[in-house]
Amino acid sequence: MYVLPAKAFPKAQDRLFPLEAPFLRHLEREGFFLPRLEAEENPAYRQVIPYALVRYAGQYLLMRRKRAGGEARLFDRFTLGVGGHINPEDAGENPVETALRRELYEEVGLQRYTAQAVGLIVLDDTPVSRVHAGVVFVVEAGEEPAVVERDKLEGHLCGLEEIWAVYEGLEDWSKRVADWLRDVG
């Protein structure tokens, strides 16, 4: 897993941190790979996870995780994020953006889009959150996104009203993204 020392990140807070270009470049230059077991268990490191809020035609992609796939702690939770771990094949000049591109294609079939890094999620309320950090992107899709792994996820485009209606059912990172959406208007 692609990691940085935990001390490289801001102190955990229950909100989205603004992400400035120099810190994103630091993530891209200074990250390195650890074996998965060590990365998942050692809070001295945080795994860097690209996490995309996908927007298309003025609406947002809202998905719900099914019981058939993923981690039990996320079953039936709603998510606004498309993303995942940075794999060794993503290594290179821009591993965060390369992994984002791969995840967008694998999860929702996107090939045409623009992406803007907008924030960083750093939480410490659970053992899982203590070893992960999310790099949040707003992705403007150039084509309609569609869930690829339908056995694991279901999803549709929606407006902000529907996001607020399911807010309590959102996974933690998606709540931070929804809060950010509310704050930026």
C-alpha atoms as a PDB file:
ATOM      1  CA  MET A   1       0.000   0.000   0.000  1.00  0.00           C
ATOM      2  CA  TYR A   2       1.142   3.552  -0.789  1.00  0.00           C
ATOM      3  CA  VAL A   3       1.835   5.408   2.455  1.00  0.00           C
ATOM      4  CA  LEU A   4       3.450   8.407   4.078  1.00  0.00           C
ATOM      5  CA  PRO A   5       4.464   8.746   7.713  1.00  0.00           C
ATOM      6  CA  ALA A   6       1.415   9.787   9.755  1.00  0.00           C
ATOM      7  CA  LYS A   7       3.335  12.823  11.029  1.00  0.00           C
ATOM      8  CA  ALA A   8       3.360  14.229   7.454  1.00  0.00           C
ATOM      9  CA  PHE A   9      -0.411  14.851   7.688  1.00  0.00           C
ATOM     10  CA  PRO A  10      -2.263  17.583   9.544  1.00  0.00           C
ATOM     11  CA  LYS A  11      -3.713  16.682  12.929  1.00  0.00           C
ATOM     12  CA  ALA A  12      -6.967  14.768  12.549  1.00  0.00           C
ATOM     13  CA  GLN A  13     -10.120  16.871  12.467  1.00  0.00           C
ATOM     14  CA  ASP A  14     -13.755  16.152  11.742  1.00  0.00           C
ATOM     15  CA  ARG A  15     -13.772  18.152   8.510  1.00  0.00           C
ATOM     16  CA  LEU A  16     -12.232  18.362   5.065  1.00  0.00           C
ATOM     17  CA  PHE A  17      -8.869  20.160   5.106  1.00  0.00           C
ATOM     18  CA  PRO A  18      -8.170  22.429   2.138  1.00  0.00           C
ATOM     19  CA  LEU A  19      -5.568  20.774  -0.070  1.00  0.00           C
ATOM     20  CA  GLU A  20      -2.933  22.981  -1.577  1.00  0.00           C
ATOM     21  CA  ALA A  21      -0.832  22.007  -4.586  1.00  0.00           C
ATOM     22  CA  PRO A  22       2.492  21.869  -2.673  1.00  0.00           C
ATOM     23  CA  PHE A  23       1.103  19.270  -0.242  1.00  0.00           C
ATOM     24  CA  LEU A  24      -0.303  17.176  -3.114  1.00  0.00           C
ATOM     25  CA  ARG A  25       3.138  17.268  -4.778  1.00  0.00           C
ATOM     26  CA  HIS A  26       4.671  16.210  -1.442  1.00  0.00           C
ATOM     27  CA  LEU A  27       2.289  13.212  -1.315  1.00  0.00           C
ATOM     28  CA  GLU A  28       3.254  12.274  -4.854  1.00  0.00           C
ATOM     29  CA  ARG A  29       7.030  12.641  -4.290  1.00  0.00           C
ATOM     30  CA  GLU A  30       7.481  11.289  -0.772  1.00  0.00           C
ATOM     31  CA  GLY A  31       5.068   8.354  -0.646  1.00  0.00           C
ATOM     32  CA  PHE A  32       6.294   4.766  -0.719  1.00  0.00           C
ATOM     33  CA  PHE A  33       4.879   1.257  -0.617  1.00  0.00           C
ATOM     34  CA  LEU A  34       4.561  -0.997   2.420  1.00  0.00           C
ATOM     35  CA  PRO A  35       3.196  -4.538   2.565  1.00  0.00           C
ATOM     36  CA  ARG A  36      -0.582  -4.431   3.078  1.00  0.00           C
ATOM     37  CA  LEU A  37      -0.548  -6.060   6.517  1.00  0.00           C
ATOM     38  CA  GLU A  38       1.952  -3.544   7.878  1.00  0.00           C
ATOM     39  CA  ALA A  39       0.124  -0.593   6.293  1.00  0.00           C
ATOM     40  CA  GLU A  40      -3.234  -1.724   7.727  1.00  0.00           C
ATOM     41  CA  GLU A  41      -1.903  -2.292  11.251  1.00  0.00           C
ATOM     42  CA  ASN A  42       0.748   0.392  11.842  1.00  0.00           C
ATOM     43  CA  PRO A  43      -0.584   3.865  12.789  1.00  0.00           C
ATOM     44  CA  ALA A  44       2.887   5.339  12.226  1.00  0.00           C
ATOM     45  CA  TYR A  45       1.823   5.437   8.536  1.00  0.00           C
ATOM     46  CA  ARG A  46      -1.274   6.552   6.663  1.00  0.00           C
ATOM     47  CA  GLN A  47      -2.349   4.996   3.385  1.00  0.00           C
ATOM     48  CA  VAL A  48      -3.115   7.637   0.768  1.00  0.00           C
ATOM     49  CA  ILE A  49      -6.515   7.059  -0.861  1.00  0.00           C
ATOM     50  CA  PRO A  50      -7.762   9.095  -3.847  1.00  0.00           C
ATOM     51  CA  TYR A  51     -11.479   9.765  -3.231  1.00  0.00           C
ATOM     52  CA  ALA A  52     -13.582  11.373  -5.976  1.00  0.00           C
ATOM     53  CA  LEU A  53     -16.888  13.205  -5.741  1.00  0.00           C
ATOM     54  CA  VAL A  54     -18.299  12.674  -9.244  1.00  0.00           C
ATOM     55  CA  ARG A  55     -20.517  15.359 -10.750  1.00  0.00           C
ATOM     56  CA  TYR A  56     -22.323  15.080 -14.069  1.00  0.00           C
ATOM     57  CA  ALA A  57     -24.848  17.511 -15.565  1.00  0.00           C
ATOM     58  CA  GLY A  58     -25.211  19.350 -12.238  1.00  0.00           C
ATOM     59  CA  GLN A  59     -25.893  16.209 -10.211  1.00  0.00           C
ATOM     60  CA  TYR A  60     -23.756  14.003  -7.969  1.00  0.00           C
ATOM     61  CA  LEU A  61     -23.162  10.268  -8.060  1.00  0.00           C
ATOM     62  CA  LEU A  62     -24.630   8.674  -4.920  1.00  0.00           C
ATOM     63  CA  MET A  63     -23.951   4.981  -4.370  1.00  0.00           C
ATOM     64  CA  ARG A  64     -24.943   2.382  -1.795  1.00  0.00           C
ATOM     65  CA  ARG A  65     -22.672  -0.498  -0.877  1.00  0.00           C
ATOM     66  CA  LYS A  66     -24.304  -3.904  -1.126  1.00  0.00           C
ATOM     67  CA  ARG A  67     -23.623  -6.842   1.177  1.00  0.00           C
ATOM     68  CA  ALA A  68     -22.013  -8.829  -1.659  1.00  0.00           C
ATOM     69  CA  GLY A  69     -18.762  -6.911  -1.652  1.00  0.00           C
ATOM     70  CA  GLY A  70     -16.340  -5.002   0.454  1.00  0.00           C
ATOM     71  CA  GLU A  71     -16.012  -4.644   4.172  1.00  0.00           C
ATOM     72  CA  ALA A  72     -18.850  -5.479   6.589  1.00  0.00           C
ATOM     73  CA  ARG A  73     -18.497  -2.091   8.300  1.00  0.00           C
ATOM     74  CA  LEU A  74     -19.593  -0.442   5.023  1.00  0.00           C
ATOM     75  CA  PHE A  75     -22.566  -2.697   4.123  1.00  0.00           C
ATOM     76  CA  ASP A  76     -25.686  -0.719   3.201  1.00  0.00           C
ATOM     77  CA  ARG A  77     -23.884   2.600   3.724  1.00  0.00           C
ATOM     78  CA  PHE A  78     -24.194   5.346   1.156  1.00  0.00           C
ATOM     79  CA  THR A  79     -21.090   6.830  -0.433  1.00  0.00           C
ATOM     80  CA  LEU A  80     -20.296   9.870  -2.522  1.00  0.00           C
ATOM     81  CA  GLY A  81     -16.752   8.652  -3.111  1.00  0.00           C
ATOM     82  CA  VAL A  82     -15.183   6.717  -5.931  1.00  0.00           C
ATOM     83  CA  GLY A  83     -11.672   5.653  -5.046  1.00  0.00           C
ATOM     84  CA  GLY A  84      -9.355   3.162  -3.472  1.00  0.00           C
ATOM     85  CA  HIS A  85      -5.815   2.199  -2.623  1.00  0.00           C
ATOM     86  CA  ILE A  86      -2.831   3.227  -4.705  1.00  0.00           C
ATOM     87  CA  ASN A  87      -1.292   0.057  -6.118  1.00  0.00           C
ATOM     88  CA  PRO A  88       2.322  -0.537  -7.188  1.00  0.00           C
ATOM     89  CA  GLU A  89       1.279  -0.351 -10.858  1.00  0.00           C
ATOM     90  CA  ASP A  90       0.190   3.264 -10.160  1.00  0.00           C
ATOM     91  CA  ALA A  91       3.766   4.247  -9.219  1.00  0.00           C
ATOM     92  CA  GLY A  92       5.368   6.989 -11.244  1.00  0.00           C
ATOM     93  CA  GLU A  93       5.334  10.751 -11.386  1.00  0.00           C
ATOM     94  CA  ASN A  94       1.711  11.163 -10.191  1.00  0.00           C
ATOM     95  CA  PRO A  95       0.614   8.005  -8.338  1.00  0.00           C
ATOM     96  CA  VAL A  96      -2.399   9.684  -6.689  1.00  0.00           C
ATOM     97  CA  GLU A  97      -3.799  10.890 -10.015  1.00  0.00           C
ATOM     98  CA  THR A  98      -2.898   7.619 -11.761  1.00  0.00           C
ATOM     99  CA  ALA A  99      -4.769   5.628  -9.110  1.00  0.00           C
ATOM    100  CA  LEU A 100      -7.697   8.053  -9.368  1.00  0.00           C
ATOM    101  CA  ARG A 101      -7.859   7.460 -13.132  1.00  0.00           C
ATOM    102  CA  ARG A 102      -7.772   3.680 -12.648  1.00  0.00           C
ATOM    103  CA  GLU A 103     -10.431   3.706  -9.914  1.00  0.00           C
ATOM    104  CA  LEU A 104     -12.782   5.962 -11.911  1.00  0.00           C
ATOM    105  CA  TYR A 105     -12.598   3.567 -14.839  1.00  0.00           C
ATOM    106  CA  GLU A 106     -12.865   0.366 -12.771  1.00  0.00           C
ATOM    107  CA  GLU A 107     -15.718   1.536 -10.552  1.00  0.00           C
ATOM    108  CA  VAL A 108     -17.863   3.797 -12.758  1.00  0.00           C
ATOM    109  CA  GLY A 109     -16.469   3.459 -16.295  1.00  0.00           C
ATOM    110  CA  LEU A 110     -15.258   7.063 -16.595  1.00  0.00           C
ATOM    111  CA  GLN A 111     -12.621   7.869 -19.172  1.00  0.00           C
ATOM    112  CA  ARG A 112     -13.485  11.498 -19.950  1.00  0.00           C
ATOM    113  CA  TYR A 113     -13.355  13.860 -17.003  1.00  0.00           C
ATOM    114  CA  THR A 114     -11.540  16.720 -15.337  1.00  0.00           C
ATOM    115  CA  ALA A 115     -10.426  16.440 -11.718  1.00  0.00           C
ATOM    116  CA  GLN A 116      -9.574  19.085  -9.160  1.00  0.00           C
ATOM    117  CA  ALA A 117      -8.012  18.162  -5.812  1.00  0.00           C
ATOM    118  CA  VAL A 118     -10.014  20.063  -3.187  1.00  0.00           C
ATOM    119  CA  GLY A 119      -9.279  18.578   0.205  1.00  0.00           C
ATOM    120  CA  LEU A 120      -7.818  16.059   2.549  1.00  0.00           C
ATOM    121  CA  ILE A 121      -9.626  13.782   5.001  1.00  0.00           C
ATOM    122  CA  VAL A 122      -7.656  12.906   8.125  1.00  0.00           C
ATOM    123  CA  LEU A 123      -9.633  11.221  10.916  1.00  0.00           C
ATOM    124  CA  ASP A 124      -8.543   9.228  13.946  1.00  0.00           C
ATOM    125  CA  ASP A 125     -11.790   8.009  15.502  1.00  0.00           C
ATOM    126  CA  THR A 126     -11.347   4.329  14.565  1.00  0.00           C
ATOM    127  CA  PRO A 127      -8.400   1.955  14.015  1.00  0.00           C
ATOM    128  CA  VAL A 128      -9.169   2.006  10.264  1.00  0.00           C
ATOM    129  CA  SER A 129      -9.270   5.805  10.057  1.00  0.00           C
ATOM    130  CA  ARG A 130      -5.930   6.085  11.891  1.00  0.00           C
ATOM    131  CA  VAL A 131      -4.128   4.353   9.001  1.00  0.00           C
ATOM    132  CA  HIS A 132      -5.816   6.095   6.029  1.00  0.00           C
ATOM    133  CA  ALA A 133      -5.984   9.622   4.590  1.00  0.00           C
ATOM    134  CA  GLY A 134      -8.243  10.634   1.724  1.00  0.00           C
ATOM    135  CA  VAL A 135      -7.252  12.993  -1.058  1.00  0.00           C
ATOM    136  CA  VAL A 136     -10.597  14.397  -2.202  1.00  0.00           C
ATOM    137  CA  PHE A 137     -11.159  15.355  -5.825  1.00  0.00           C
ATOM    138  CA  VAL A 138     -14.165  16.913  -7.490  1.00  0.00           C
ATOM    139  CA  VAL A 139     -14.516  15.121 -10.813  1.00  0.00           C
ATOM    140  CA  GLU A 140     -16.532  16.722 -13.596  1.00  0.00           C
ATOM    141  CA  ALA A 141     -17.540  13.750 -15.729  1.00  0.00           C
ATOM    142  CA  GLY A 142     -17.540  14.172 -19.496  1.00  0.00           C
ATOM    143  CA  GLU A 143     -19.850  11.175 -19.799  1.00  0.00           C
ATOM    144  CA  GLU A 144     -22.550   9.717 -17.573  1.00  0.00           C
ATOM    145  CA  PRO A 145     -21.020   7.529 -14.843  1.00  0.00           C
ATOM    146  CA  ALA A 146     -22.431   4.045 -14.317  1.00  0.00           C
ATOM    147  CA  VAL A 147     -21.575   1.581 -11.560  1.00  0.00           C
ATOM    148  CA  VAL A 148     -19.485  -1.239 -13.054  1.00  0.00           C
ATOM    149  CA  GLU A 149     -19.482  -3.735 -10.163  1.00  0.00           C
ATOM    150  CA  ARG A 150     -23.248  -3.951  -9.738  1.00  0.00           C
ATOM    151  CA  ASP A 151     -22.949  -6.920  -7.400  1.00  0.00           C
ATOM    152  CA  LYS A 152     -21.109  -4.653  -4.916  1.00  0.00           C
ATOM    153  CA  LEU A 153     -22.638  -1.215  -5.509  1.00  0.00           C
ATOM    154  CA  GLU A 154     -25.754   0.456  -6.789  1.00  0.00           C
ATOM    155  CA  GLY A 155     -25.851   4.096  -7.708  1.00  0.00           C
ATOM    156  CA  HIS A 156     -27.554   6.969  -9.451  1.00  0.00           C
ATOM    157  CA  LEU A 157     -27.182  10.683 -10.056  1.00  0.00           C
ATOM    158  CA  CYS A 158     -28.983  12.952  -7.607  1.00  0.00           C
ATOM    159  CA  GLY A 159     -29.277  16.493  -6.353  1.00  0.00           C
ATOM    160  CA  LEU A 160     -28.157  17.874  -3.031  1.00  0.00           C
ATOM    161  CA  GLU A 161     -31.606  17.359  -1.476  1.00  0.00           C
ATOM    162  CA  GLU A 162     -31.287  13.589  -1.784  1.00  0.00           C
ATOM    163  CA  ILE A 163     -27.793  13.665  -0.292  1.00  0.00           C
ATOM    164  CA  TRP A 164     -29.142  15.564   2.738  1.00  0.00           C
ATOM    165  CA  ALA A 165     -32.009  13.046   3.016  1.00  0.00           C
ATOM    166  CA  VAL A 166     -29.570  10.104   3.395  1.00  0.00           C
ATOM    167  CA  TYR A 167     -26.885  12.026   5.333  1.00  0.00           C
ATOM    168  CA  GLU A 168     -27.068   9.803   8.450  1.00  0.00           C
ATOM    169  CA  GLY A 169     -26.576   6.739   6.223  1.00  0.00           C
ATOM    170  CA  LEU A 170     -23.436   8.115   4.560  1.00  0.00           C
ATOM    171  CA  GLU A 171     -20.090   6.533   5.397  1.00  0.00           C
ATOM    172  CA  ASP A 172     -17.800   8.815   7.431  1.00  0.00           C
ATOM    173  CA  TRP A 173     -15.672  10.165   4.569  1.00  0.00           C
ATOM    174  CA  SER A 174     -18.787  10.932   2.526  1.00  0.00           C
ATOM    175  CA  LYS A 175     -20.219  12.890   5.466  1.00  0.00           C
ATOM    176  CA  ARG A 176     -17.085  15.067   5.424  1.00  0.00           C
ATOM    177  CA  VAL A 177     -17.499  15.601   1.668  1.00  0.00           C
ATOM    178  CA  ALA A 178     -21.207  16.419   2.105  1.00  0.00           C
ATOM    179  CA  ASP A 179     -20.349  18.906   4.857  1.00  0.00           C
ATOM    180  CA  TRP A 180     -17.809  20.512   2.520  1.00  0.00           C
ATOM    181  CA  LEU A 181     -20.459  20.724  -0.234  1.00  0.00           C
ATOM    182  CA  ARG A 182     -22.829  22.477   2.179  1.00  0.00           C
ATOM    183  CA  ASP A 183     -20.113  24.927   3.230  1.00  0.00           C
ATOM    184  CA  VAL A 184     -18.994  25.853  -0.300  1.00  0.00           C
ATOM    185  CA  GLY A 185     -22.609  26.271  -1.396  1.00  0.00           C
END
